[in-house]
Amino acid sequence: TTVSYNNWTSDASKNELIGKILANYKAKYTDITTTYKREQFAVSVGDELPTGILKLAKVYLAKKRKLKVGDKMAGRHGNKGIVARIVPEEDMPYLEDGTPVEIVLNPLGVPSRMN
């Protein structure tokens, strides 16, 4: 069944809050449903491989989400760090042609990885 996200009350702000709650519920419901289906599939398939198949590789995709302050990040070359600040694009430094940079690394962490 489809649930309407608006027109629950006559107050627009309450309708907006109800809409956000319903959207969060739908996202969580979808997440739980997909996890259940994945586990159910793993149980139904079992450990036996069909004839002619030597190995089975399973790939799980991670969720994409926006960064927030305090998140840890790591690069390919062993460099890692914590997001200290998220600023608007207009507050970021820019190149000579006006292109803003996407990320600023701590300069103290760079020399330690030059070995």
PDB file of N, CA and C in Angstrom:
ATOM      1  N   THR A   1       0.836  -1.181   0.000  1.00  0.00           N
ATOM      2  CA  THR A   1       0.000   0.000   0.000  1.00  0.00           C
ATOM      3  C   THR A   1       0.881   1.245   0.000  1.00  0.00           C
ATOM      4  N   THR A   2       0.374   2.295  -0.586  1.00  0.00           N
ATOM      5  CA  THR A   2       1.090   3.560  -0.658  1.00  0.00           C
ATOM      6  C   THR A   2       0.515   4.521   0.375  1.00  0.00           C
ATOM      7  N   VAL A   3       1.406   5.145   1.136  1.00  0.00           N
ATOM      8  CA  VAL A   3       0.999   6.088   2.169  1.00  0.00           C
ATOM      9  C   VAL A   3       1.347   7.488   1.693  1.00  0.00           C
ATOM     10  N   SER A   4       0.420   8.412   1.838  1.00  0.00           N
ATOM     11  CA  SER A   4       0.651   9.791   1.435  1.00  0.00           C
ATOM     12  C   SER A   4       1.610  10.454   2.420  1.00  0.00           C
ATOM     13  N   TYR A   5       2.544  11.257   1.897  1.00  0.00           N
ATOM     14  CA  TYR A   5       3.511  11.936   2.737  1.00  0.00           C
ATOM     15  C   TYR A   5       3.025  13.304   3.215  1.00  0.00           C
ATOM     16  N   ASN A   6       1.877  13.731   2.775  1.00  0.00           N
ATOM     17  CA  ASN A   6       1.404  15.059   3.168  1.00  0.00           C
ATOM     18  C   ASN A   6      -0.091  15.018   3.467  1.00  0.00           C
ATOM     19  N   ASN A   7      -0.621  16.134   3.893  1.00  0.00           N
ATOM     20  CA  ASN A   7      -2.040  16.319   4.226  1.00  0.00           C
ATOM     21  C   ASN A   7      -2.507  15.418   5.371  1.00  0.00           C
ATOM     22  N   TRP A   8      -1.681  15.273   6.390  1.00  0.00           N
ATOM     23  CA  TRP A   8      -2.099  14.539   7.582  1.00  0.00           C
ATOM     24  C   TRP A   8      -2.823  15.476   8.546  1.00  0.00           C
ATOM     25  N   THR A   9      -2.326  16.706   8.631  1.00  0.00           N
ATOM     26  CA  THR A   9      -2.947  17.703   9.501  1.00  0.00           C
ATOM     27  C   THR A   9      -3.098  18.998   8.702  1.00  0.00           C
ATOM     28  N   SER A  10      -3.681  19.994   9.347  1.00  0.00           N
ATOM     29  CA  SER A  10      -3.820  21.291   8.677  1.00  0.00           C
ATOM     30  C   SER A  10      -2.559  22.141   8.830  1.00  0.00           C
ATOM     31  N   ASP A  11      -1.635  21.729   9.711  1.00  0.00           N
ATOM     32  CA  ASP A  11      -0.397  22.468   9.940  1.00  0.00           C
ATOM     33  C   ASP A  11       0.680  21.979   8.964  1.00  0.00           C
ATOM     34  N   ALA A  12       1.247  22.893   8.190  1.00  0.00           N
ATOM     35  CA  ALA A  12       2.233  22.519   7.166  1.00  0.00           C
ATOM     36  C   ALA A  12       3.524  21.990   7.784  1.00  0.00           C
ATOM     37  N   SER A  13       3.964  22.576   8.907  1.00  0.00           N
ATOM     38  CA  SER A  13       5.215  22.119   9.523  1.00  0.00           C
ATOM     39  C   SER A  13       5.071  20.706  10.081  1.00  0.00           C
ATOM     40  N   LYS A  14       3.903  20.408  10.655  1.00  0.00           N
ATOM     41  CA  LYS A  14       3.673  19.043  11.151  1.00  0.00           C
ATOM     42  C   LYS A  14       3.611  18.054   9.993  1.00  0.00           C
ATOM     43  N   ASN A  15       2.997  18.470   8.893  1.00  0.00           N
ATOM     44  CA  ASN A  15       2.957  17.600   7.715  1.00  0.00           C
ATOM     45  C   ASN A  15       4.363  17.315   7.192  1.00  0.00           C
ATOM     46  N   GLU A  16       5.220  18.332   7.242  1.00  0.00           N
ATOM     47  CA  GLU A  16       6.598  18.135   6.786  1.00  0.00           C
ATOM     48  C   GLU A  16       7.334  17.147   7.690  1.00  0.00           C
ATOM     49  N   LEU A  17       7.152  17.279   9.014  1.00  0.00           N
ATOM     50  CA  LEU A  17       7.778  16.345   9.951  1.00  0.00           C
ATOM     51  C   LEU A  17       7.257  14.926   9.748  1.00  0.00           C
ATOM     52  N   ILE A  18       5.968  14.787   9.548  1.00  0.00           N
ATOM     53  CA  ILE A  18       5.385  13.462   9.310  1.00  0.00           C
ATOM     54  C   ILE A  18       5.943  12.875   8.018  1.00  0.00           C
ATOM     55  N   GLY A  19       6.097  13.706   7.004  1.00  0.00           N
ATOM     56  CA  GLY A  19       6.675  13.243   5.741  1.00  0.00           C
ATOM     57  C   GLY A  19       8.100  12.747   5.915  1.00  0.00           C
ATOM     58  N   LYS A  20       8.902  13.477   6.718  1.00  0.00           N
ATOM     59  CA  LYS A  20      10.280  13.049   6.979  1.00  0.00           C
ATOM     60  C   LYS A  20      10.304  11.730   7.743  1.00  0.00           C
ATOM     61  N   ILE A  21       9.415  11.586   8.728  1.00  0.00           N
ATOM     62  CA  ILE A  21       9.350  10.337   9.500  1.00  0.00           C
ATOM     63  C   ILE A  21       8.981   9.173   8.595  1.00  0.00           C
ATOM     64  N   LEU A  22       8.001   9.384   7.729  1.00  0.00           N
ATOM     65  CA  LEU A  22       7.593   8.312   6.815  1.00  0.00           C
ATOM     66  C   LEU A  22       8.707   7.971   5.824  1.00  0.00           C
ATOM     67  N   ALA A  23       9.433   8.979   5.352  1.00  0.00           N
ATOM     68  CA  ALA A  23      10.539   8.717   4.423  1.00  0.00           C
ATOM     69  C   ALA A  23      11.647   7.929   5.116  1.00  0.00           C
ATOM     70  N   ASN A  24      11.963   8.294   6.375  1.00  0.00           N
ATOM     71  CA  ASN A  24      12.970   7.549   7.136  1.00  0.00           C
ATOM     72  C   ASN A  24      12.517   6.118   7.386  1.00  0.00           C
ATOM     73  N   TYR A  25      11.231   5.953   7.695  1.00  0.00           N
ATOM     74  CA  TYR A  25      10.694   4.615   7.911  1.00  0.00           C
ATOM     75  C   TYR A  25      10.811   3.778   6.645  1.00  0.00           C
ATOM     76  N   LYS A  26      10.483   4.380   5.507  1.00  0.00           N
ATOM     77  CA  LYS A  26      10.542   3.640   4.241  1.00  0.00           C
ATOM     78  C   LYS A  26      11.977   3.226   3.926  1.00  0.00           C
ATOM     79  N   ALA A  27      12.938   4.121   4.172  1.00  0.00           N
ATOM     80  CA  ALA A  27      14.343   3.794   3.917  1.00  0.00           C
ATOM     81  C   ALA A  27      14.804   2.657   4.821  1.00  0.00           C
ATOM     82  N   LYS A  28      14.447   2.716   6.100  1.00  0.00           N
ATOM     83  CA  LYS A  28      14.834   1.659   7.040  1.00  0.00           C
ATOM     84  C   LYS A  28      14.159   0.342   6.677  1.00  0.00           C
ATOM     85  N   TYR A  29      12.891   0.401   6.285  1.00  0.00           N
ATOM     86  CA  TYR A  29      12.156  -0.797   5.884  1.00  0.00           C
ATOM     87  C   TYR A  29      12.806  -1.448   4.662  1.00  0.00           C
ATOM     88  N   THR A  30      13.191  -0.630   3.696  1.00  0.00           N
ATOM     89  CA  THR A  30      13.853  -1.150   2.501  1.00  0.00           C
ATOM     90  C   THR A  30      15.189  -1.781   2.858  1.00  0.00           C
ATOM     91  N   ASP A  31      15.933  -1.149   3.760  1.00  0.00           N
ATOM     92  CA  ASP A  31      17.224  -1.679   4.189  1.00  0.00           C
ATOM     93  C   ASP A  31      17.060  -3.035   4.866  1.00  0.00           C
ATOM     94  N   ILE A  32      16.101  -3.140   5.773  1.00  0.00           N
ATOM     95  CA  ILE A  32      15.865  -4.401   6.479  1.00  0.00           C
ATOM     96  C   ILE A  32      15.387  -5.472   5.512  1.00  0.00           C
ATOM     97  N   THR A  33      14.519  -5.105   4.582  1.00  0.00           N
ATOM     98  CA  THR A  33      14.001  -6.067   3.611  1.00  0.00           C
ATOM     99  C   THR A  33      15.112  -6.613   2.724  1.00  0.00           C
ATOM    100  N   THR A  34      15.995  -5.742   2.234  1.00  0.00           N
ATOM    101  CA  THR A  34      17.085  -6.220   1.377  1.00  0.00           C
ATOM    102  C   THR A  34      18.064  -7.092   2.153  1.00  0.00           C
ATOM    103  N   THR A  35      18.327  -6.749   3.418  1.00  0.00           N
ATOM    104  CA  THR A  35      19.195  -7.587   4.242  1.00  0.00           C
ATOM    105  C   THR A  35      18.572  -8.962   4.442  1.00  0.00           C
ATOM    106  N   TYR A  36      17.283  -9.001   4.713  1.00  0.00           N
ATOM    107  CA  TYR A  36      16.586 -10.269   4.895  1.00  0.00           C
ATOM    108  C   TYR A  36      16.620 -11.103   3.621  1.00  0.00           C
ATOM    109  N   LYS A  37      16.377 -10.467   2.478  1.00  0.00           N
ATOM    110  CA  LYS A  37      16.389 -11.202   1.209  1.00  0.00           C
ATOM    111  C   LYS A  37      17.781 -11.751   0.912  1.00  0.00           C
ATOM    112  N   ARG A  38      18.825 -10.972   1.211  1.00  0.00           N
ATOM    113  CA  ARG A  38      20.196 -11.435   0.993  1.00  0.00           C
ATOM    114  C   ARG A  38      20.502 -12.642   1.872  1.00  0.00           C
ATOM    115  N   GLU A  39      20.105 -12.582   3.146  1.00  0.00           N
ATOM    116  CA  GLU A  39      20.345 -13.707   4.048  1.00  0.00           C
ATOM    117  C   GLU A  39      19.534 -14.927   3.628  1.00  0.00           C
ATOM    118  N   GLN A  40      18.307 -14.707   3.205  1.00  0.00           N
ATOM    119  CA  GLN A  40      17.463 -15.813   2.756  1.00  0.00           C
ATOM    120  C   GLN A  40      18.067 -16.469   1.508  1.00  0.00           C
ATOM    121  N   PHE A  41      18.595 -15.670   0.600  1.00  0.00           N
ATOM    122  CA  PHE A  41      19.229 -16.210  -0.599  1.00  0.00           C
ATOM    123  C   PHE A  41      20.472 -17.016  -0.230  1.00  0.00           C
ATOM    124  N   ALA A  42      21.273 -16.505   0.727  1.00  0.00           N
ATOM    125  CA  ALA A  42      22.484 -17.218   1.137  1.00  0.00           C
ATOM    126  C   ALA A  42      22.146 -18.572   1.741  1.00  0.00           C
ATOM    127  N   VAL A  43      21.052 -18.641   2.499  1.00  0.00           N
ATOM    128  CA  VAL A  43      20.648 -19.914   3.099  1.00  0.00           C
ATOM    129  C   VAL A  43      20.125 -20.860   2.029  1.00  0.00           C
ATOM    130  N   SER A  44      19.361 -20.341   1.084  1.00  0.00           N
ATOM    131  CA  SER A  44      18.773 -21.207   0.061  1.00  0.00           C
ATOM    132  C   SER A  44      19.825 -21.730  -0.915  1.00  0.00           C
ATOM    133  N   VAL A  45      20.863 -20.927  -1.216  1.00  0.00           N
ATOM    134  CA  VAL A  45      21.903 -21.376  -2.139  1.00  0.00           C
ATOM    135  C   VAL A  45      22.794 -22.412  -1.466  1.00  0.00           C
ATOM    136  N   GLY A  46      23.171 -22.169  -0.229  1.00  0.00           N
ATOM    137  CA  GLY A  46      24.006 -23.121   0.491  1.00  0.00           C
ATOM    138  C   GLY A  46      25.454 -23.059   0.055  1.00  0.00           C
ATOM    139  N   ASP A  47      26.231 -24.088   0.438  1.00  0.00           N
ATOM    140  CA  ASP A  47      27.654 -24.125   0.149  1.00  0.00           C
ATOM    141  C   ASP A  47      27.984 -24.924  -1.103  1.00  0.00           C
ATOM    142  N   GLU A  48      27.032 -25.652  -1.639  1.00  0.00           N
ATOM    143  CA  GLU A  48      27.310 -26.487  -2.804  1.00  0.00           C
ATOM    144  C   GLU A  48      27.353 -25.637  -4.064  1.00  0.00           C
ATOM    145  N   LEU A  49      28.370 -25.890  -4.888  1.00  0.00           N
ATOM    146  CA  LEU A  49      28.518 -25.169  -6.144  1.00  0.00           C
ATOM    147  C   LEU A  49      27.997 -26.030  -7.288  1.00  0.00           C
ATOM    148  N   PRO A  50      27.416 -25.412  -8.288  1.00  0.00           N
ATOM    149  CA  PRO A  50      26.982 -26.181  -9.460  1.00  0.00           C
ATOM    150  C   PRO A  50      28.178 -26.807 -10.176  1.00  0.00           C
ATOM    151  N   THR A  51      27.929 -27.810 -10.977  1.00  0.00           N
ATOM    152  CA  THR A  51      29.012 -28.486 -11.684  1.00  0.00           C
ATOM    153  C   THR A  51      29.678 -27.530 -12.661  1.00  0.00           C
ATOM    154  N   GLY A  52      30.996 -27.617 -12.734  1.00  0.00           N
ATOM    155  CA  GLY A  52      31.752 -26.763 -13.636  1.00  0.00           C
ATOM    156  C   GLY A  52      32.218 -25.464 -13.008  1.00  0.00           C
ATOM    157  N   ILE A  53      31.736 -25.128 -11.816  1.00  0.00           N
ATOM    158  CA  ILE A  53      32.146 -23.895 -11.133  1.00  0.00           C
ATOM    159  C   ILE A  53      33.107 -24.272 -10.017  1.00  0.00           C
ATOM    160  N   LEU A  54      34.304 -23.691 -10.043  1.00  0.00           N
ATOM    161  CA  LEU A  54      35.326 -24.028  -9.060  1.00  0.00           C
ATOM    162  C   LEU A  54      35.268 -23.137  -7.827  1.00  0.00           C
ATOM    163  N   LYS A  55      35.042 -21.852  -8.033  1.00  0.00           N
ATOM    164  CA  LYS A  55      35.000 -20.911  -6.912  1.00  0.00           C
ATOM    165  C   LYS A  55      33.820 -19.977  -7.082  1.00  0.00           C
ATOM    166  N   LEU A  56      33.328 -19.481  -5.970  1.00  0.00           N
ATOM    167  CA  LEU A  56      32.220 -18.535  -5.978  1.00  0.00           C
ATOM    168  C   LEU A  56      32.685 -17.267  -5.264  1.00  0.00           C
ATOM    169  N   ALA A  57      32.555 -16.152  -5.920  1.00  0.00           N
ATOM    170  CA  ALA A  57      32.931 -14.869  -5.326  1.00  0.00           C
ATOM    171  C   ALA A  57      31.671 -14.045  -5.123  1.00  0.00           C
ATOM    172  N   LYS A  58      31.467 -13.586  -3.896  1.00  0.00           N
ATOM    173  CA  LYS A  58      30.318 -12.740  -3.590  1.00  0.00           C
ATOM    174  C   LYS A  58      30.817 -11.327  -3.341  1.00  0.00           C
ATOM    175  N   VAL A  59      30.136 -10.371  -3.917  1.00  0.00           N
ATOM    176  CA  VAL A  59      30.508  -8.964  -3.775  1.00  0.00           C
ATOM    177  C   VAL A  59      29.341  -8.232  -3.136  1.00  0.00           C
ATOM    178  N   TYR A  60      29.603  -7.544  -2.039  1.00  0.00           N
ATOM    179  CA  TYR A  60      28.590  -6.741  -1.373  1.00  0.00           C
ATOM    180  C   TYR A  60      28.964  -5.278  -1.529  1.00  0.00           C
ATOM    181  N   LEU A  61      28.000  -4.471  -1.869  1.00  0.00           N
ATOM    182  CA  LEU A  61      28.239  -3.047  -2.044  1.00  0.00           C
ATOM    183  C   LEU A  61      27.957  -2.309  -0.744  1.00  0.00           C
ATOM    184  N   ALA A  62      28.843  -1.399  -0.408  1.00  0.00           N
ATOM    185  CA  ALA A  62      28.641  -0.592   0.790  1.00  0.00           C
ATOM    186  C   ALA A  62      27.650   0.522   0.482  1.00  0.00           C
ATOM    187  N   LYS A  63      27.068   1.054   1.521  1.00  0.00           N
ATOM    188  CA  LYS A  63      26.132   2.163   1.349  1.00  0.00           C
ATOM    189  C   LYS A  63      26.909   3.446   1.098  1.00  0.00           C
ATOM    190  N   LYS A  64      26.406   4.248   0.220  1.00  0.00           N
ATOM    191  CA  LYS A  64      26.976   5.570   0.002  1.00  0.00           C
ATOM    192  C   LYS A  64      26.247   6.549   0.906  1.00  0.00           C
ATOM    193  N   ARG A  65      27.018   7.387   1.573  1.00  0.00           N
ATOM    194  CA  ARG A  65      26.407   8.405   2.406  1.00  0.00           C
ATOM    195  C   ARG A  65      27.313   9.624   2.419  1.00  0.00           C
ATOM    196  N   LYS A  66      26.777  10.728   2.861  1.00  0.00           N
ATOM    197  CA  LYS A  66      27.547  11.969   2.886  1.00  0.00           C
ATOM    198  C   LYS A  66      28.506  11.954   4.069  1.00  0.00           C
ATOM    199  N   LEU A  67      29.653  12.589   3.868  1.00  0.00           N
ATOM    200  CA  LEU A  67      30.625  12.712   4.948  1.00  0.00           C
ATOM    201  C   LEU A  67      30.120  13.684   5.997  1.00  0.00           C
ATOM    202  N   LYS A  68      30.555  13.461   7.227  1.00  0.00           N
ATOM    203  CA  LYS A  68      30.263  14.400   8.296  1.00  0.00           C
ATOM    204  C   LYS A  68      31.514  14.541   9.149  1.00  0.00           C
ATOM    205  N   VAL A  69      31.554  15.535   9.975  1.00  0.00           N
ATOM    206  CA  VAL A  69      32.715  15.797  10.813  1.00  0.00           C
ATOM    207  C   VAL A  69      32.926  14.612  11.752  1.00  0.00           C
ATOM    208  N   GLY A  70      34.167  14.134  11.816  1.00  0.00           N
ATOM    209  CA  GLY A  70      34.505  13.005  12.669  1.00  0.00           C
ATOM    210  C   GLY A  70      34.630  11.691  11.922  1.00  0.00           C
ATOM    211  N   ASP A  71      34.214  11.638  10.660  1.00  0.00           N
ATOM    212  CA  ASP A  71      34.349  10.412   9.868  1.00  0.00           C
ATOM    213  C   ASP A  71      35.814  10.173   9.528  1.00  0.00           C
ATOM    214  N   LYS A  72      36.204   8.894   9.509  1.00  0.00           N
ATOM    215  CA  LYS A  72      37.566   8.540   9.134  1.00  0.00           C
ATOM    216  C   LYS A  72      37.618   8.256   7.644  1.00  0.00           C
ATOM    217  N   MET A  73      38.711   8.678   7.024  1.00  0.00           N
ATOM    218  CA  MET A  73      38.929   8.431   5.600  1.00  0.00           C
ATOM    219  C   MET A  73      40.319   7.850   5.434  1.00  0.00           C
ATOM    220  N   ALA A  74      40.480   7.000   4.423  1.00  0.00           N
ATOM    221  CA  ALA A  74      41.788   6.428   4.126  1.00  0.00           C
ATOM    222  C   ALA A  74      42.002   6.430   2.627  1.00  0.00           C
ATOM    223  N   GLY A  75      43.240   6.666   2.229  1.00  0.00           N
ATOM    224  CA  GLY A  75      43.593   6.644   0.817  1.00  0.00           C
ATOM    225  C   GLY A  75      44.208   5.319   0.427  1.00  0.00           C
ATOM    226  N   ARG A  76      44.591   5.209  -0.818  1.00  0.00           N
ATOM    227  CA  ARG A  76      45.185   3.971  -1.332  1.00  0.00           C
ATOM    228  C   ARG A  76      46.595   3.748  -0.825  1.00  0.00           C
ATOM    229  N   HIS A  77      47.266   4.778  -0.389  1.00  0.00           N
ATOM    230  CA  HIS A  77      48.683   4.701  -0.087  1.00  0.00           C
ATOM    231  C   HIS A  77      48.965   4.679   1.419  1.00  0.00           C
ATOM    232  N   GLY A  78      48.013   4.293   2.212  1.00  0.00           N
ATOM    233  CA  GLY A  78      48.222   4.193   3.648  1.00  0.00           C
ATOM    234  C   GLY A  78      47.966   5.476   4.401  1.00  0.00           C
ATOM    235  N   ASN A  79      47.616   6.526   3.716  1.00  0.00           N
ATOM    236  CA  ASN A  79      47.324   7.771   4.413  1.00  0.00           C
ATOM    237  C   ASN A  79      45.897   7.719   4.953  1.00  0.00           C
ATOM    238  N   LYS A  80      45.730   8.191   6.155  1.00  0.00           N
ATOM    239  CA  LYS A  80      44.397   8.199   6.744  1.00  0.00           C
ATOM    240  C   LYS A  80      44.236   9.453   7.582  1.00  0.00           C
ATOM    241  N   GLY A  81      43.002   9.793   7.811  1.00  0.00           N
ATOM    242  CA  GLY A  81      42.741  10.993   8.583  1.00  0.00           C
ATOM    243  C   GLY A  81      41.279  11.100   8.943  1.00  0.00           C
ATOM    244  N   ILE A  82      40.951  12.154   9.647  1.00  0.00           N
ATOM    245  CA  ILE A  82      39.592  12.390  10.127  1.00  0.00           C
ATOM    246  C   ILE A  82      39.097  13.701   9.529  1.00  0.00           C
ATOM    247  N   VAL A  83      37.841  13.724   9.132  1.00  0.00           N
ATOM    248  CA  VAL A  83      37.241  14.941   8.594  1.00  0.00           C
ATOM    249  C   VAL A  83      37.124  15.946   9.738  1.00  0.00           C
ATOM    250  N   ALA A  84      37.831  17.063   9.610  1.00  0.00           N
ATOM    251  CA  ALA A  84      37.843  18.062  10.672  1.00  0.00           C
ATOM    252  C   ALA A  84      36.789  19.136  10.457  1.00  0.00           C
ATOM    253  N   ARG A  85      36.555  19.500   9.192  1.00  0.00           N
ATOM    254  CA  ARG A  85      35.635  20.591   8.924  1.00  0.00           C
ATOM    255  C   ARG A  85      35.062  20.426   7.525  1.00  0.00           C
ATOM    256  N   ILE A  86      33.802  20.740   7.368  1.00  0.00           N
ATOM    257  CA  ILE A  86      33.167  20.759   6.053  1.00  0.00           C
ATOM    258  C   ILE A  86      32.713  22.188   5.812  1.00  0.00           C
ATOM    259  N   VAL A  87      33.234  22.772   4.744  1.00  0.00           N
ATOM    260  CA  VAL A  87      32.934  24.175   4.462  1.00  0.00           C
ATOM    261  C   VAL A  87      32.258  24.286   3.099  1.00  0.00           C
ATOM    262  N   PRO A  88      31.519  25.372   2.868  1.00  0.00           N
ATOM    263  CA  PRO A  88      30.915  25.572   1.547  1.00  0.00           C
ATOM    264  C   PRO A  88      31.989  25.734   0.469  1.00  0.00           C
ATOM    265  N   GLU A  89      31.588  25.507  -0.762  1.00  0.00           N
ATOM    266  CA  GLU A  89      32.529  25.560  -1.887  1.00  0.00           C
ATOM    267  C   GLU A  89      33.163  26.936  -2.041  1.00  0.00           C
ATOM    268  N   GLU A  90      32.417  27.978  -1.734  1.00  0.00           N
ATOM    269  CA  GLU A  90      32.964  29.326  -1.899  1.00  0.00           C
ATOM    270  C   GLU A  90      34.030  29.658  -0.855  1.00  0.00           C
ATOM    271  N   ASP A  91      34.095  28.903   0.253  1.00  0.00           N
ATOM    272  CA  ASP A  91      35.115  29.137   1.275  1.00  0.00           C
ATOM    273  C   ASP A  91      36.375  28.306   1.048  1.00  0.00           C
ATOM    274  N   MET A  92      36.364  27.424   0.050  1.00  0.00           N
ATOM    275  CA  MET A  92      37.527  26.577  -0.229  1.00  0.00           C
ATOM    276  C   MET A  92      38.560  27.367  -1.026  1.00  0.00           C
ATOM    277  N   PRO A  93      39.851  27.016  -0.882  1.00  0.00           N
ATOM    278  CA  PRO A  93      40.864  27.647  -1.736  1.00  0.00           C
ATOM    279  C   PRO A  93      40.638  27.253  -3.193  1.00  0.00           C
ATOM    280  N   TYR A  94      41.165  28.037  -4.107  1.00  0.00           N
ATOM    281  CA  TYR A  94      40.924  27.770  -5.523  1.00  0.00           C
ATOM    282  C   TYR A  94      42.223  27.915  -6.310  1.00  0.00           C
ATOM    283  N   LEU A  95      42.228  27.314  -7.493  1.00  0.00           N
ATOM    284  CA  LEU A  95      43.387  27.373  -8.381  1.00  0.00           C
ATOM    285  C   LEU A  95      43.379  28.681  -9.166  1.00  0.00           C
ATOM    286  N   GLU A  96      44.423  28.874 -10.008  1.00  0.00           N
ATOM    287  CA  GLU A  96      44.518  30.118 -10.779  1.00  0.00           C
ATOM    288  C   GLU A  96      43.349  30.298 -11.732  1.00  0.00           C
ATOM    289  N   ASP A  97      42.826  29.179 -12.257  1.00  0.00           N
ATOM    290  CA  ASP A  97      41.714  29.290 -13.206  1.00  0.00           C
ATOM    291  C   ASP A  97      40.359  29.410 -12.515  1.00  0.00           C
ATOM    292  N   GLY A  98      40.343  29.444 -11.180  1.00  0.00           N
ATOM    293  CA  GLY A  98      39.096  29.626 -10.447  1.00  0.00           C
ATOM    294  C   GLY A  98      38.440  28.337  -9.995  1.00  0.00           C
ATOM    295  N   THR A  99      39.038  27.187 -10.296  1.00  0.00           N
ATOM    296  CA  THR A  99      38.473  25.902  -9.891  1.00  0.00           C
ATOM    297  C   THR A  99      38.742  25.665  -8.408  1.00  0.00           C
ATOM    298  N   PRO A 100      37.714  25.462  -7.586  1.00  0.00           N
ATOM    299  CA  PRO A 100      37.960  25.199  -6.165  1.00  0.00           C
ATOM    300  C   PRO A 100      38.479  23.775  -5.960  1.00  0.00           C
ATOM    301  N   VAL A 101      39.346  23.596  -4.961  1.00  0.00           N
ATOM    302  CA  VAL A 101      39.855  22.258  -4.646  1.00  0.00           C
ATOM    303  C   VAL A 101      38.763  21.483  -3.912  1.00  0.00           C
ATOM    304  N   GLU A 102      38.814  20.152  -3.997  1.00  0.00           N
ATOM    305  CA  GLU A 102      37.778  19.330  -3.381  1.00  0.00           C
ATOM    306  C   GLU A 102      38.124  18.930  -1.955  1.00  0.00           C
ATOM    307  N   ILE A 103      39.423  18.743  -1.678  1.00  0.00           N
ATOM    308  CA  ILE A 103      39.823  18.299  -0.346  1.00  0.00           C
ATOM    309  C   ILE A 103      41.155  18.952   0.002  1.00  0.00           C
ATOM    310  N   VAL A 104      41.349  19.262   1.275  1.00  0.00           N
ATOM    311  CA  VAL A 104      42.599  19.834   1.758  1.00  0.00           C
ATOM    312  C   VAL A 104      43.162  18.865   2.784  1.00  0.00           C
ATOM    313  N   LEU A 105      44.391  18.388   2.532  1.00  0.00           N
ATOM    314  CA  LEU A 105      45.042  17.464   3.453  1.00  0.00           C
ATOM    315  C   LEU A 105      45.914  18.232   4.428  1.00  0.00           C
ATOM    316  N   ASN A 106      46.118  17.659   5.609  1.00  0.00           N
ATOM    317  CA  ASN A 106      46.998  18.249   6.597  1.00  0.00           C
ATOM    318  C   ASN A 106      48.436  18.101   6.104  1.00  0.00           C
ATOM    319  N   PRO A 107      49.189  19.188   5.980  1.00  0.00           N
ATOM    320  CA  PRO A 107      50.556  19.077   5.465  1.00  0.00           C
ATOM    321  C   PRO A 107      51.488  18.302   6.394  1.00  0.00           C
ATOM    322  N   LEU A 108      51.166  18.174   7.667  1.00  0.00           N
ATOM    323  CA  LEU A 108      52.020  17.417   8.581  1.00  0.00           C
ATOM    324  C   LEU A 108      51.940  15.913   8.318  1.00  0.00           C
ATOM    325  N   GLY A 109      50.873  15.462   7.674  1.00  0.00           N
ATOM    326  CA  GLY A 109      50.733  14.036   7.395  1.00  0.00           C
ATOM    327  C   GLY A 109      51.416  13.601   6.124  1.00  0.00           C
ATOM    328  N   VAL A 110      51.805  14.537   5.266  1.00  0.00           N
ATOM    329  CA  VAL A 110      52.407  14.181   3.974  1.00  0.00           C
ATOM    330  C   VAL A 110      53.859  13.729   4.114  1.00  0.00           C
ATOM    331  N   PRO A 111      54.756  14.449   4.816  1.00  0.00           N
ATOM    332  CA  PRO A 111      56.153  13.995   4.885  1.00  0.00           C
ATOM    333  C   PRO A 111      56.316  12.622   5.530  1.00  0.00           C
ATOM    334  N   SER A 112      55.439  12.235   6.419  1.00  0.00           N
ATOM    335  CA  SER A 112      55.577  10.939   7.081  1.00  0.00           C
ATOM    336  C   SER A 112      55.333   9.790   6.121  1.00  0.00           C
ATOM    337  N   ARG A 113      54.728  10.046   4.969  1.00  0.00           N
ATOM    338  CA  ARG A 113      54.445   8.992   3.994  1.00  0.00           C
ATOM    339  C   ARG A 113      55.401   9.047   2.803  1.00  0.00           C
ATOM    340  N   MET A 114      56.493   9.784   2.912  1.00  0.00           N
ATOM    341  CA  MET A 114      57.409   9.930   1.782  1.00  0.00           C
ATOM    342  C   MET A 114      58.549   8.920   1.840  1.00  0.00           C
ATOM    343  N   ASN A 115      58.416   7.820   2.550  1.00  0.00           N
ATOM    344  CA  ASN A 115      59.524   6.866   2.670  1.00  0.00           C
ATOM    345  C   ASN A 115      59.470   5.790   1.633  1.00  0.00           C
TER     346      ASN A 115
END
